Protein backbone atom coordinates (compact mmCIF):
# COMPACT_ATOMS: atom_id res chain seq x y z
CA UNK A 1 76.57 118.01 130.69
CA UNK A 2 73.77 115.80 129.68
CA UNK A 3 74.48 112.20 129.81
CA UNK A 4 71.91 111.25 127.29
CA UNK A 5 72.45 113.99 124.50
CA UNK A 6 76.07 115.37 125.75
CA UNK A 7 74.66 118.83 125.41
CA UNK A 8 75.25 121.50 128.04
CA UNK A 9 72.11 121.92 130.34
CA UNK A 10 70.76 125.10 130.15
CA UNK A 11 67.37 124.18 131.66
CA UNK A 12 65.62 125.66 134.60
CA UNK A 13 65.92 122.07 136.01
CA UNK A 14 68.09 119.09 135.39
CA UNK A 15 67.46 115.48 136.29
CA UNK A 16 69.94 113.42 138.54
CA UNK A 17 70.14 109.80 138.09
CA UNK A 18 72.89 107.30 139.09
CA UNK A 19 75.22 110.36 139.49
CA UNK A 20 74.70 111.65 135.92
CA UNK A 21 72.82 114.72 134.92
CA UNK A 22 70.20 114.76 132.36
CA UNK A 23 67.74 116.98 130.46
CA UNK A 24 64.24 116.30 131.15
CA UNK A 25 63.45 115.36 127.81
CA UNK A 26 66.31 113.05 127.54
CA UNK A 27 65.14 110.94 130.30
CA UNK A 28 63.79 108.06 128.51
CA UNK A 29 63.62 104.13 128.43
CA UNK A 30 66.22 102.74 126.43
CA UNK A 31 63.98 99.81 124.98
CA UNK A 32 60.75 101.37 124.43
CA UNK A 33 61.62 105.22 124.33
CA UNK A 34 58.73 106.45 126.69
CA UNK A 35 59.63 109.43 128.71
CA UNK A 36 60.51 108.48 132.51
CA UNK A 37 58.73 111.48 134.28
CA UNK A 38 58.29 109.64 137.89
CA UNK A 39 60.52 106.80 138.29
CA UNK A 40 63.09 104.87 136.32
CA UNK A 41 65.39 101.88 136.67
CA UNK A 42 68.97 102.02 135.68
CA UNK A 43 71.26 99.06 134.88
CA UNK A 44 74.93 99.18 133.14
CA UNK A 45 74.44 102.73 132.47
CA UNK A 46 71.27 102.57 130.49
CA UNK A 47 67.84 103.49 131.46
CA UNK A 48 64.52 101.59 131.92
CA UNK A 49 60.73 102.00 132.72
CA UNK A 50 59.62 99.57 135.15
CA UNK A 51 57.94 97.22 132.69
CA UNK A 52 60.84 96.90 130.39
CA UNK A 53 63.41 96.50 133.48
CA UNK A 54 61.15 93.91 134.99
CA UNK A 55 60.74 91.83 131.56
CA UNK A 56 64.50 92.16 131.16
CA UNK A 57 66.23 91.58 134.67
CA UNK A 58 63.27 90.24 136.62
CA UNK A 59 63.43 86.85 137.96
CA UNK A 60 61.85 83.96 136.07
CA UNK A 61 60.33 80.70 136.41
CA UNK A 62 62.90 77.99 135.87
CA UNK A 63 60.14 75.64 134.12
CA UNK A 64 58.01 77.94 132.27
CA UNK A 65 60.02 80.92 131.76
CA UNK A 66 57.45 83.39 132.77
CA UNK A 67 58.60 86.29 135.15
CA UNK A 68 57.71 85.79 138.73
CA UNK A 69 55.82 88.46 140.35
CA UNK A 70 56.80 90.17 144.03
CA UNK A 71 53.73 88.97 144.98
CA UNK A 72 53.96 85.34 144.20
CA UNK A 73 54.53 82.44 146.33
CA UNK A 74 57.47 80.27 144.76
CA UNK A 75 59.15 77.17 145.46
CA UNK A 76 62.98 77.41 145.34
CA UNK A 77 65.75 74.68 144.64
CA UNK A 78 69.36 75.79 144.71
CA UNK A 79 69.56 78.58 142.37
CA UNK A 80 66.19 77.64 140.44
CA UNK A 81 63.00 79.38 141.44
CA UNK A 82 59.65 78.34 140.41
CA UNK A 83 55.96 79.10 140.21
CA UNK A 84 53.94 76.88 142.42
CA UNK A 85 52.12 74.83 139.56
CA UNK A 86 55.45 74.49 137.78
CA UNK A 87 57.00 72.55 140.60
CA UNK A 88 56.34 69.29 139.24
CA UNK A 89 57.78 65.81 138.80
CA UNK A 90 59.28 65.57 135.30
CA UNK A 91 58.15 62.04 135.16
CA UNK A 92 54.77 61.84 136.43
CA UNK A 93 53.81 65.78 136.10
CA UNK A 94 52.79 65.37 140.11
CA UNK A 95 52.98 69.00 142.13
CA UNK A 96 55.77 68.56 144.85
CA UNK A 97 54.91 70.05 148.06
CA UNK A 98 57.04 72.05 150.68
CA UNK A 99 58.97 69.51 152.61
CA UNK A 100 58.81 66.67 149.93
CA UNK A 101 62.04 65.01 148.73
CA UNK A 102 63.06 65.58 145.15
CA UNK A 103 66.12 65.21 143.15
CA UNK A 104 67.38 67.76 140.65
CA UNK A 105 69.47 66.47 137.31
CA UNK A 106 70.51 68.65 134.77
CA UNK A 107 68.72 71.63 136.02
């Protein structure tokens, strides 16, 4: 049975994703609907293309809210992650460097 449409799979090939079987044409992103021919991402039984998965579930900068890319250098403070240019003092807007002391208040 196809996880996407609930119909029996009579096709020559079936797709297996996260222990479920799919018709090839039913394997689409749950957000944008693009057919997932080469790769897909899954979360909570939904399928996503890379772009939508990164946009929805990717790590975001705690200051600007933009997505942090895997190759970017970041600064971490407790559970918060920042782009380097976003890791600044909220009072004087001076960049904080690695090893400098700072205080977190209300996030």
